[in-house]
Full PDB file with SEQRES, HELIX, SHEET, SSBOND, CRYST1, ORIGX, SCALE, CONECT and MASTER records, all heavy atoms in Angstrom:
SEQRES   1 A   40  ILE GLY ASN TYR ILE THR VAL SER LYS ASP ALA ILE LYS          
SEQRES   2 A   40  SER ASN GLY VAL LEU GLY LYS ALA THR LEU GLN GLU THR          
SEQRES   3 A   40  ILE SER GLN ARG LEU LYS LYS ARG VAL GLU GLN LEU SER          
SEQRES   4 A   40  LYS                                                          
HELIX    1 AA1 LYS A    9  ALA A   11  5                                   3    
HELIX    2 AA2 LEU A   23  SER A   39  1                                  17    
CRYST1    1.000    1.000    1.000  90.00  90.00  90.00 P 1           1          
ORIGX1      1.000000  0.000000  0.000000        0.00000                         
ORIGX2      0.000000  1.000000  0.000000        0.00000                         
ORIGX3      0.000000  0.000000  1.000000        0.00000                         
SCALE1      1.000000  0.000000  0.000000        0.00000                         
SCALE2      0.000000  1.000000  0.000000        0.00000                         
SCALE3      0.000000  0.000000  1.000000        0.00000                         
ATOM      1  N   ILE A   1      46.778  73.555  50.631  1.00  0.00           N  
ATOM      2  CA  ILE A   1      45.351  73.800  50.833  1.00  0.00           C  
ATOM      3  C   ILE A   1      45.080  75.261  51.170  1.00  0.00           C  
ATOM      4  O   ILE A   1      44.140  75.867  50.670  1.00  0.00           O  
ATOM      5  CB  ILE A   1      44.798  72.884  51.952  1.00  0.00           C  
ATOM      6  CG1 ILE A   1      44.886  71.422  51.501  1.00  0.00           C  
ATOM      7  CG2 ILE A   1      43.359  73.238  52.278  1.00  0.00           C  
ATOM      8  CD1 ILE A   1      44.550  70.431  52.586  1.00  0.00           C  
ATOM      9  N   GLY A   2      45.939  75.858  52.023  1.00  0.00           N  
ATOM     10  CA  GLY A   2      45.685  77.234  52.443  1.00  0.00           C  
ATOM     11  C   GLY A   2      44.444  77.302  53.321  1.00  0.00           C  
ATOM     12  O   GLY A   2      43.791  76.298  53.596  1.00  0.00           O  
ATOM     13  N   ASN A   3      44.089  78.485  53.766  1.00  0.00           N  
ATOM     14  CA  ASN A   3      42.866  78.634  54.563  1.00  0.00           C  
ATOM     15  C   ASN A   3      42.266  80.028  54.452  1.00  0.00           C  
ATOM     16  O   ASN A   3      41.460  80.431  55.274  1.00  0.00           O  
ATOM     17  CB  ASN A   3      43.152  78.317  56.036  1.00  0.00           C  
ATOM     18  CG  ASN A   3      44.133  79.287  56.663  1.00  0.00           C  
ATOM     19  OD1 ASN A   3      44.664  80.163  55.998  1.00  0.00           O  
ATOM     20  ND2 ASN A   3      44.379  79.115  57.944  1.00  0.00           N  
ATOM     21  N   TYR A   4      42.658  80.768  53.403  1.00  0.00           N  
ATOM     22  CA  TYR A   4      42.238  82.155  53.322  1.00  0.00           C  
ATOM     23  C   TYR A   4      42.156  82.570  51.861  1.00  0.00           C  
ATOM     24  O   TYR A   4      43.114  82.389  51.102  1.00  0.00           O  
ATOM     25  CB  TYR A   4      43.287  83.019  54.047  1.00  0.00           C  
ATOM     26  CG  TYR A   4      42.812  84.355  54.552  1.00  0.00           C  
ATOM     27  CD1 TYR A   4      41.691  84.485  55.349  1.00  0.00           C  
ATOM     28  CD2 TYR A   4      43.521  85.518  54.221  1.00  0.00           C  
ATOM     29  CE1 TYR A   4      41.281  85.712  55.835  1.00  0.00           C  
ATOM     30  CE2 TYR A   4      43.120  86.758  54.706  1.00  0.00           C  
ATOM     31  CZ  TYR A   4      41.997  86.846  55.510  1.00  0.00           C  
ATOM     32  OH  TYR A   4      41.587  88.065  55.991  1.00  0.00           O  
ATOM     33  N   ILE A   5      41.032  83.095  51.428  1.00  0.00           N  
ATOM     34  CA  ILE A   5      40.869  83.625  50.081  1.00  0.00           C  
ATOM     35  C   ILE A   5      40.664  85.127  50.197  1.00  0.00           C  
ATOM     36  O   ILE A   5      39.809  85.581  50.963  1.00  0.00           O  
ATOM     37  CB  ILE A   5      39.681  82.976  49.355  1.00  0.00           C  
ATOM     38  CG1 ILE A   5      39.983  81.486  49.103  1.00  0.00           C  
ATOM     39  CG2 ILE A   5      39.389  83.675  48.032  1.00  0.00           C  
ATOM     40  CD1 ILE A   5      38.874  80.744  48.418  1.00  0.00           C  
ATOM     41  N   THR A   6      41.470  85.895  49.474  1.00  0.00           N  
ATOM     42  CA  THR A   6      41.455  87.340  49.644  1.00  0.00           C  
ATOM     43  C   THR A   6      41.088  88.079  48.363  1.00  0.00           C  
ATOM     44  O   THR A   6      41.259  87.566  47.256  1.00  0.00           O  
ATOM     45  CB  THR A   6      42.826  87.859  50.117  1.00  0.00           C  
ATOM     46  OG1 THR A   6      43.798  87.582  49.106  1.00  0.00           O  
ATOM     47  CG2 THR A   6      43.243  87.207  51.423  1.00  0.00           C  
ATOM     48  N   VAL A   7      40.592  89.284  48.564  1.00  0.00           N  
ATOM     49  CA  VAL A   7      40.349  90.227  47.486  1.00  0.00           C  
ATOM     50  C   VAL A   7      41.037  91.525  47.863  1.00  0.00           C  
ATOM     51  O   VAL A   7      40.783  92.084  48.933  1.00  0.00           O  
ATOM     52  CB  VAL A   7      38.842  90.481  47.273  1.00  0.00           C  
ATOM     53  CG1 VAL A   7      38.627  91.682  46.356  1.00  0.00           C  
ATOM     54  CG2 VAL A   7      38.171  89.257  46.686  1.00  0.00           C  
ATOM     55  N   SER A   8      41.924  91.991  47.010  1.00  0.00           N  
ATOM     56  CA  SER A   8      42.591  93.255  47.253  1.00  0.00           C  
ATOM     57  C   SER A   8      41.590  94.396  47.073  1.00  0.00           C  
ATOM     58  O   SER A   8      40.722  94.340  46.205  1.00  0.00           O  
ATOM     59  CB  SER A   8      43.762  93.425  46.279  1.00  0.00           C  
ATOM     60  OG  SER A   8      44.353  94.694  46.426  1.00  0.00           O  
ATOM     61  N   LYS A   9      41.712  95.421  47.888  1.00  0.00           N  
ATOM     62  CA  LYS A   9      40.772  96.540  47.801  1.00  0.00           C  
ATOM     63  C   LYS A   9      40.827  97.246  46.454  1.00  0.00           C  
ATOM     64  O   LYS A   9      39.831  97.811  46.004  1.00  0.00           O  
ATOM     65  CB  LYS A   9      41.052  97.540  48.927  1.00  0.00           C  
ATOM     66  CG  LYS A   9      40.597  97.037  50.297  1.00  0.00           C  
ATOM     67  CD  LYS A   9      40.793  98.089  51.365  1.00  0.00           C  
ATOM     68  CE  LYS A   9      40.290  97.576  52.719  1.00  0.00           C  
ATOM     69  NZ  LYS A   9      40.493  98.566  53.799  1.00  0.00           N  
ATOM     70  N   ASP A  10      41.999  97.197  45.799  1.00  0.00           N  
ATOM     71  CA  ASP A  10      42.063  97.854  44.502  1.00  0.00           C  
ATOM     72  C   ASP A  10      41.428  97.014  43.400  1.00  0.00           C  
ATOM     73  O   ASP A  10      41.408  97.401  42.237  1.00  0.00           O  
ATOM     74  CB  ASP A  10      43.502  98.237  44.128  1.00  0.00           C  
ATOM     75  CG  ASP A  10      44.449  97.042  44.109  1.00  0.00           C  
ATOM     76  OD1 ASP A  10      43.959  95.903  44.039  1.00  0.00           O  
ATOM     77  OD2 ASP A  10      45.673  97.251  44.173  1.00  0.00           O  
ATOM     78  N   ALA A  11      40.885  95.829  43.778  1.00  0.00           N  
ATOM     79  CA  ALA A  11      40.125  95.021  42.820  1.00  0.00           C  
ATOM     80  C   ALA A  11      38.628  95.273  42.959  1.00  0.00           C  
ATOM     81  O   ALA A  11      37.823  94.608  42.323  1.00  0.00           O  
ATOM     82  CB  ALA A  11      40.415  93.535  43.033  1.00  0.00           C  
ATOM     83  N   ILE A  12      38.258  96.234  43.800  1.00  0.00           N  
ATOM     84  CA  ILE A  12      36.851  96.550  44.018  1.00  0.00           C  
ATOM     85  C   ILE A  12      36.511  97.810  43.238  1.00  0.00           C  
ATOM     86  O   ILE A  12      37.077  98.875  43.468  1.00  0.00           O  
ATOM     87  CB  ILE A  12      36.550  96.754  45.514  1.00  0.00           C  
ATOM     88  CG1 ILE A  12      36.908  95.480  46.287  1.00  0.00           C  
ATOM     89  CG2 ILE A  12      35.081  97.097  45.722  1.00  0.00           C  
ATOM     90  CD1 ILE A  12      36.823  95.628  47.783  1.00  0.00           C  
ATOM     91  N   LYS A  13      35.586  97.678  42.316  1.00  0.00           N  
ATOM     92  CA  LYS A  13      35.203  98.792  41.466  1.00  0.00           C  
ATOM     93  C   LYS A  13      34.248  99.723  42.207  1.00  0.00           C  
ATOM     94  O   LYS A  13      33.546  99.309  43.123  1.00  0.00           O  
ATOM     95  CB  LYS A  13      34.527  98.273  40.190  1.00  0.00           C  
ATOM     96  CG  LYS A  13      35.430  97.408  39.324  1.00  0.00           C  
ATOM     97  CD  LYS A  13      34.715  96.901  38.092  1.00  0.00           C  
ATOM     98  CE  LYS A  13      33.699  95.827  38.424  1.00  0.00           C  
ATOM     99  NZ  LYS A  13      33.106  95.227  37.219  1.00  0.00           N  
ATOM    100  N   SER A  14      34.228 100.946  41.779  1.00  0.00           N  
ATOM    101  CA  SER A  14      33.314 101.936  42.345  1.00  0.00           C  
ATOM    102  C   SER A  14      32.119 102.090  41.431  1.00  0.00           C  
ATOM    103  O   SER A  14      32.258 102.434  40.264  1.00  0.00           O  
ATOM    104  CB  SER A  14      34.036 103.284  42.499  1.00  0.00           C  
ATOM    105  OG  SER A  14      33.138 104.270  42.953  1.00  0.00           O  
ATOM    106  N   ASN A  15      30.914 101.799  41.965  1.00  0.00           N  
ATOM    107  CA  ASN A  15      29.676 101.900  41.189  1.00  0.00           C  
ATOM    108  C   ASN A  15      29.722 101.057  39.916  1.00  0.00           C  
ATOM    109  O   ASN A  15      29.203 101.440  38.882  1.00  0.00           O  
ATOM    110  CB  ASN A  15      29.385 103.361  40.815  1.00  0.00           C  
ATOM    111  CG  ASN A  15      29.160 104.218  42.032  1.00  0.00           C  
ATOM    112  OD1 ASN A  15      28.548 103.772  43.002  1.00  0.00           O  
ATOM    113  ND2 ASN A  15      29.669 105.447  42.002  1.00  0.00           N  
ATOM    114  N   GLY A  16      30.426  99.922  40.008  1.00  0.00           N  
ATOM    115  CA  GLY A  16      30.481  99.004  38.876  1.00  0.00           C  
ATOM    116  C   GLY A  16      31.414  99.458  37.767  1.00  0.00           C  
ATOM    117  O   GLY A  16      31.463  98.877  36.713  1.00  0.00           O  
ATOM    118  N   VAL A  17      32.172 100.533  38.004  1.00  0.00           N  
ATOM    119  CA  VAL A  17      33.093 101.025  36.980  1.00  0.00           C  
ATOM    120  C   VAL A  17      34.486 101.087  37.580  1.00  0.00           C  
ATOM    121  O   VAL A  17      34.665 101.414  38.745  1.00  0.00           O  
ATOM    122  CB  VAL A  17      32.662 102.431  36.489  1.00  0.00           C  
ATOM    123  CG1 VAL A  17      33.613 102.933  35.418  1.00  0.00           C  
ATOM    124  CG2 VAL A  17      31.245 102.387  35.946  1.00  0.00           C  
ATOM    125  N   LEU A  18      35.491 100.774  36.794  1.00  0.00           N  
ATOM    126  CA  LEU A  18      36.857 100.752  37.306  1.00  0.00           C  
ATOM    127  C   LEU A  18      37.466 102.149  37.411  1.00  0.00           C  
ATOM    128  O   LEU A  18      38.668 102.321  37.345  1.00  0.00           O  
ATOM    129  CB  LEU A  18      37.747  99.902  36.385  1.00  0.00           C  
ATOM    130  CG  LEU A  18      37.645  98.392  36.575  1.00  0.00           C  
ATOM    131  CD1 LEU A  18      38.394  97.686  35.459  1.00  0.00           C  
ATOM    132  CD2 LEU A  18      38.198  97.965  37.913  1.00  0.00           C  
ATOM    133  N   GLY A  19      36.631 103.151  37.586  1.00  0.00           N  
ATOM    134  CA  GLY A  19      37.141 104.511  37.691  1.00  0.00           C  
ATOM    135  C   GLY A  19      37.874 104.882  36.412  1.00  0.00           C  
ATOM    136  O   GLY A  19      37.462 104.535  35.318  1.00  0.00           O  
ATOM    137  N   LYS A  20      38.973 105.593  36.548  1.00  0.00           N  
ATOM    138  CA  LYS A  20      39.764 105.979  35.378  1.00  0.00           C  
ATOM    139  C   LYS A  20      40.722 104.880  34.953  1.00  0.00           C  
ATOM    140  O   LYS A  20      41.267 104.917  33.863  1.00  0.00           O  
ATOM    141  CB  LYS A  20      40.550 107.253  35.695  1.00  0.00           C  
ATOM    142  CG  LYS A  20      39.668 108.476  35.916  1.00  0.00           C  
ATOM    143  CD  LYS A  20      40.511 109.701  36.183  1.00  0.00           C  
ATOM    144  CE  LYS A  20      39.621 110.933  36.393  1.00  0.00           C  
ATOM    145  NZ  LYS A  20      40.432 112.149  36.670  1.00  0.00           N  
ATOM    146  N   ALA A  21      40.952 103.916  35.812  1.00  0.00           N  
ATOM    147  CA  ALA A  21      41.903 102.844  35.500  1.00  0.00           C  
ATOM    148  C   ALA A  21      41.261 101.778  34.628  1.00  0.00           C  
ATOM    149  O   ALA A  21      40.113 101.395  34.833  1.00  0.00           O  
ATOM    150  CB  ALA A  21      42.424 102.215  36.785  1.00  0.00           C  
ATOM    151  N   THR A  22      42.006 101.293  33.650  1.00  0.00           N  
ATOM    152  CA  THR A  22      41.536 100.188  32.829  1.00  0.00           C  
ATOM    153  C   THR A  22      41.748  98.880  33.590  1.00  0.00           C  
ATOM    154  O   THR A  22      42.428  98.838  34.621  1.00  0.00           O  
ATOM    155  CB  THR A  22      42.317 100.126  31.504  1.00  0.00           C  
ATOM    156  OG1 THR A  22      43.700  99.855  31.810  1.00  0.00           O  
ATOM    157  CG2 THR A  22      42.206 101.435  30.745  1.00  0.00           C  
ATOM    158  N   LEU A  23      41.201  97.794  33.048  1.00  0.00           N  
ATOM    159  CA  LEU A  23      41.410  96.477  33.656  1.00  0.00           C  
ATOM    160  C   LEU A  23      42.898  96.156  33.698  1.00  0.00           C  
ATOM    161  O   LEU A  23      43.411  95.649  34.702  1.00  0.00           O  
ATOM    162  CB  LEU A  23      40.660  95.412  32.854  1.00  0.00           C  
ATOM    163  CG  LEU A  23      40.911  93.954  33.252  1.00  0.00           C  
ATOM    164  CD1 LEU A  23      40.473  93.706  34.685  1.00  0.00           C  
ATOM    165  CD2 LEU A  23      40.190  93.009  32.298  1.00  0.00           C  
ATOM    166  N   GLN A  24      43.602  96.467  32.620  1.00  0.00           N  
ATOM    167  CA  GLN A  24      45.033  96.177  32.549  1.00  0.00           C  
ATOM    168  C   GLN A  24      45.809  96.956  33.615  1.00  0.00           C  
ATOM    169  O   GLN A  24      46.717  96.420  34.260  1.00  0.00           O  
ATOM    170  CB  GLN A  24      45.568  96.527  31.149  1.00  0.00           C  
ATOM    171  CG  GLN A  24      45.046  95.626  30.040  1.00  0.00           C  
ATOM    172  CD  GLN A  24      43.626  95.974  29.595  1.00  0.00           C  
ATOM    173  OE1 GLN A  24      43.035  96.943  30.076  1.00  0.00           O  
ATOM    174  NE2 GLN A  24      43.069  95.182  28.698  1.00  0.00           N  
ATOM    175  N   GLU A  25      45.456  98.230  33.795  1.00  0.00           N  
ATOM    176  CA  GLU A  25      46.124  99.047  34.811  1.00  0.00           C  
ATOM    177  C   GLU A  25      45.827  98.523  36.206  1.00  0.00           C  
ATOM    178  O   GLU A  25      46.709  98.499  37.073  1.00  0.00           O  
ATOM    179  CB  GLU A  25      45.682 100.507  34.685  1.00  0.00           C  
ATOM    180  CG  GLU A  25      46.219 101.196  33.440  1.00  0.00           C  
ATOM    181  CD  GLU A  25      45.546 102.527  33.168  1.00  0.00           C  
ATOM    182  OE1 GLU A  25      44.434 102.756  33.705  1.00  0.00           O  
ATOM    183  OE2 GLU A  25      46.120 103.333  32.420  1.00  0.00           O  
ATOM    184  N   THR A  26      44.598  98.095  36.405  1.00  0.00           N  
ATOM    185  CA  THR A  26      44.218  97.553  37.709  1.00  0.00           C  
ATOM    186  C   THR A  26      44.996  96.284  38.014  1.00  0.00           C  
ATOM    187  O   THR A  26      45.477  96.086  39.135  1.00  0.00           O  
ATOM    188  CB  THR A  26      42.704  97.254  37.741  1.00  0.00           C  
ATOM    189  OG1 THR A  26      41.988  98.452  37.461  1.00  0.00           O  
ATOM    190  CG2 THR A  26      42.283  96.726  39.096  1.00  0.00           C  
ATOM    191  N   ILE A  27      45.142  95.400  37.014  1.00  0.00           N  
ATOM    192  CA  ILE A  27      45.906  94.174  37.195  1.00  0.00           C  
ATOM    193  C   ILE A  27      47.353  94.496  37.524  1.00  0.00           C  
ATOM    194  O   ILE A  27      47.948  93.923  38.444  1.00  0.00           O  
ATOM    195  CB  ILE A  27      45.819  93.300  35.921  1.00  0.00           C  
ATOM    196  CG1 ILE A  27      44.405  92.741  35.761  1.00  0.00           C  
ATOM    197  CG2 ILE A  27      46.850  92.167  35.978  1.00  0.00           C  
ATOM    198  CD1 ILE A  27      44.165  92.051  34.436  1.00  0.00           C  
ATOM    199  N   SER A  28      47.945  95.428  36.786  1.00  0.00           N  
ATOM    200  CA  SER A  28      49.333  95.813  37.021  1.00  0.00           C  
ATOM    201  C   SER A  28      49.520  96.374  38.431  1.00  0.00           C  
ATOM    202  O   SER A  28      50.479  96.022  39.134  1.00  0.00           O  
ATOM    203  CB  SER A  28      49.766  96.847  35.983  1.00  0.00           C  
ATOM    204  OG  SER A  28      51.088  97.266  36.213  1.00  0.00           O  
ATOM    205  N   GLN A  29      48.606  97.244  38.857  1.00  0.00           N  
ATOM    206  CA  GLN A  29      48.692  97.815  40.200  1.00  0.00           C  
ATOM    207  C   GLN A  29      48.606  96.729  41.266  1.00  0.00           C  
ATOM    208  O   GLN A  29      49.322  96.759  42.271  1.00  0.00           O  
ATOM    209  CB  GLN A  29      47.569  98.831  40.400  1.00  0.00           C  
ATOM    210  CG  GLN A  29      47.738 100.103  39.578  1.00  0.00           C  
ATOM    211  CD  GLN A  29      46.482 100.961  39.561  1.00  0.00           C  
ATOM    212  OE1 GLN A  29      45.520 100.674  40.273  1.00  0.00           O  
ATOM    213  NE2 GLN A  29      46.490 102.007  38.748  1.00  0.00           N  
ATOM    214  N   ARG A  30      47.736  95.756  41.023  1.00  0.00           N  
ATOM    215  CA  ARG A  30      47.551  94.678  41.987  1.00  0.00           C  
ATOM    216  C   ARG A  30      48.812  93.820  42.090  1.00  0.00           C  
ATOM    217  O   ARG A  30      49.237  93.434  43.182  1.00  0.00           O  
ATOM    218  CB  ARG A  30      46.360  93.813  41.561  1.00  0.00           C  
ATOM    219  CG  ARG A  30      45.882  92.817  42.607  1.00  0.00           C  
ATOM    220  CD  ARG A  30      44.695  92.048  42.069  1.00  0.00           C  
ATOM    221  NE  ARG A  30      43.675  92.958  41.588  1.00  0.00           N  
ATOM    222  CZ  ARG A  30      42.909  92.716  40.528  1.00  0.00           C  
ATOM    223  NH1 ARG A  30      43.077  91.614  39.825  1.00  0.00           N  
ATOM    224  NH2 ARG A  30      41.988  93.571  40.148  1.00  0.00           N  
ATOM    225  N   LEU A  31      49.415  93.512  40.938  1.00  0.00           N  
ATOM    226  CA  LEU A  31      50.632  92.710  40.941  1.00  0.00           C  
ATOM    227  C   LEU A  31      51.782  93.450  41.631  1.00  0.00           C  
ATOM    228  O   LEU A  31      52.537  92.857  42.409  1.00  0.00           O  
ATOM    229  CB  LEU A  31      51.026  92.353  39.508  1.00  0.00           C  
ATOM    230  CG  LEU A  31      50.096  91.391  38.757  1.00  0.00           C  
ATOM    231  CD1 LEU A  31      50.491  91.306  37.293  1.00  0.00           C  
ATOM    232  CD2 LEU A  31      50.108  90.007  39.397  1.00  0.00           C  
ATOM    233  N   LYS A  32      51.905  94.747  41.361  1.00  0.00           N  
ATOM    234  CA  LYS A  32      52.957  95.540  41.999  1.00  0.00           C  
ATOM    235  C   LYS A  32      52.764  95.600  43.508  1.00  0.00           C  
ATOM    236  O   LYS A  32      53.735  95.531  44.279  1.00  0.00           O  
ATOM    237  CB  LYS A  32      52.983  96.943  41.405  1.00  0.00           C  
ATOM    238  CG  LYS A  32      53.505  96.998  39.983  1.00  0.00           C  
ATOM    239  CD  LYS A  32      53.415  98.401  39.409  1.00  0.00           C  
ATOM    240  CE  LYS A  32      53.913  98.438  37.962  1.00  0.00           C  
ATOM    241  NZ  LYS A  32      53.752  99.787  37.362  1.00  0.00           N  
ATOM    242  N   LYS A  33      51.512  95.710  43.933  1.00  0.00           N  
ATOM    243  CA  LYS A  33      51.230  95.748  45.370  1.00  0.00           C  
ATOM    244  C   LYS A  33      51.593  94.412  46.025  1.00  0.00           C  
ATOM    245  O   LYS A  33      52.113  94.369  47.141  1.00  0.00           O  
ATOM    246  CB  LYS A  33      49.762  96.075  45.615  1.00  0.00           C  
ATOM    247  CG  LYS A  33      49.432  96.383  47.076  1.00  0.00           C  
ATOM    248  CD  LYS A  33      48.018  96.860  47.224  1.00  0.00           C  
ATOM    249  CE  LYS A  33      47.821  98.205  46.576  1.00  0.00           C  
ATOM    250  NZ  LYS A  33      48.561  99.274  47.277  1.00  0.00           N  
ATOM    251  N   ARG A  34      51.346  93.302  45.292  1.00  0.00           N  
ATOM    252  CA  ARG A  34      51.691  91.987  45.837  1.00  0.00           C  
ATOM    253  C   ARG A  34      53.205  91.849  45.966  1.00  0.00           C  
ATOM    254  O   ARG A  34      53.699  91.277  46.944  1.00  0.00           O  
ATOM    255  CB  ARG A  34      51.134  90.881  44.941  1.00  0.00           C  
ATOM    256  CG  ARG A  34      51.316  89.474  45.525  1.00  0.00           C  
ATOM    257  CD  ARG A  34      50.702  89.373  46.893  1.00  0.00           C  
ATOM    258  NE  ARG A  34      50.932  88.081  47.526  1.00  0.00           N  
ATOM    259  CZ  ARG A  34      50.935  87.883  48.826  1.00  0.00           C  
ATOM    260  NH1 ARG A  34      50.702  88.895  49.665  1.00  0.00           N  
ATOM    261  NH2 ARG A  34      51.166  86.694  49.328  1.00  0.00           N  
ATOM    262  N   VAL A  35      53.954  92.369  45.003  1.00  0.00           N  
ATOM    263  CA  VAL A  35      55.422  92.362  45.092  1.00  0.00           C  
ATOM    264  C   VAL A  35      55.866  93.128  46.338  1.00  0.00           C  
ATOM    265  O   VAL A  35      56.760  92.681  47.076  1.00  0.00           O  
ATOM    266  CB  VAL A  35      56.056  92.972  43.829  1.00  0.00           C  
ATOM    267  CG1 VAL A  35      57.545  93.228  44.043  1.00  0.00           C  
ATOM    268  CG2 VAL A  35      55.868  92.043  42.637  1.00  0.00           C  
ATOM    269  N   GLU A  36      55.238  94.274  46.603  1.00  0.00           N  
ATOM    270  CA  GLU A  36      55.581  95.063  47.789  1.00  0.00           C  
ATOM    271  C   GLU A  36      55.314  94.284  49.072  1.00  0.00           C  
ATOM    272  O   GLU A  36      56.137  94.271  49.997  1.00  0.00           O  
ATOM    273  CB  GLU A  36      54.769  96.363  47.805  1.00  0.00           C  
ATOM    274  CG  GLU A  36      55.156  97.360  46.729  1.00  0.00           C  
ATOM    275  CD  GLU A  36      54.259  98.584  46.746  1.00  0.00           C  
ATOM    276  OE1 GLU A  36      53.450  98.715  47.694  1.00  0.00           O  
ATOM    277  OE2 GLU A  36      54.357  99.408  45.807  1.00  0.00           O  
ATOM    278  N   GLN A  37      54.167  93.607  49.133  1.00  0.00           N  
ATOM    279  CA  GLN A  37      53.814  92.837  50.325  1.00  0.00           C  
ATOM    280  C   GLN A  37      54.793  91.696  50.552  1.00  0.00           C  
ATOM    281  O   GLN A  37      55.248  91.459  51.678  1.00  0.00           O  
ATOM    282  CB  GLN A  37      52.384  92.292  50.185  1.00  0.00           C  
ATOM    283  CG  GLN A  37      51.311  93.357  50.197  1.00  0.00           C  
ATOM    284  CD  GLN A  37      49.954  92.820  49.798  1.00  0.00           C  
ATOM    285  OE1 GLN A  37      49.846  91.764  49.156  1.00  0.00           O  
ATOM    286  NE2 GLN A  37      48.894  93.537  50.157  1.00  0.00           N  
ATOM    287  N   LEU A  38      55.130  90.997  49.488  1.00  0.00           N  
ATOM    288  CA  LEU A  38      56.069  89.884  49.598  1.00  0.00           C  
ATOM    289  C   LEU A  38      57.459  90.375  49.983  1.00  0.00           C  
ATOM    290  O   LEU A  38      58.160  89.724  50.763  1.00  0.00           O  
ATOM    291  CB  LEU A  38      56.115  89.112  48.286  1.00  0.00           C  
ATOM    292  CG  LEU A  38      54.874  88.282  47.961  1.00  0.00           C  
ATOM    293  CD1 LEU A  38      54.855  87.884  46.492  1.00  0.00           C  
ATOM    294  CD2 LEU A  38      54.797  87.047  48.850  1.00  0.00           C  
ATOM    295  N   SER A  39      57.846  91.508  49.443  1.00  0.00           N  
ATOM    296  CA  SER A  39      59.160  92.072  49.769  1.00  0.00           C  
ATOM    297  C   SER A  39      59.251  92.410  51.249  1.00  0.00           C  
ATOM    298  O   SER A  39      60.287  92.173  51.895  1.00  0.00           O  
ATOM    299  CB  SER A  39      59.422  93.328  48.924  1.00  0.00           C  
ATOM    300  OG  SER A  39      59.487  92.998  47.547  1.00  0.00           O  
ATOM    301  N   LYS A  40      58.175  92.951  51.815  1.00  0.00           N  
ATOM    302  CA  LYS A  40      58.162  93.264  53.244  1.00  0.00           C  
ATOM    303  C   LYS A  40      58.301  91.991  54.074  1.00  0.00           C  
ATOM    304  O   LYS A  40      59.016  91.965  55.076  1.00  0.00           O  
ATOM    305  CB  LYS A  40      56.874  93.994  53.615  1.00  0.00           C  
ATOM    306  CG  LYS A  40      56.816  95.436  53.119  1.00  0.00           C  
ATOM    307  CD  LYS A  40      55.499  96.099  53.512  1.00  0.00           C  
ATOM    308  CE  LYS A  40      55.447  97.538  53.002  1.00  0.00           C  
ATOM    309  NZ  LYS A  40      54.147  98.192  53.322  1.00  0.00           N  
TER     310      LYS A  40                                                      
MASTER        0    0    0    2    0    0    0    6  309    1    0    4          
END                                                                             
């Protein structure tokens, strides 16, 4: 069931635009960050 739904800060766009990063790059960065968190 869990009890917490999260949004990573790097999933938050600036002014509705993903900055210079594409959606694919953003997804990759998010997955890599999750690997880092789990590794810790």
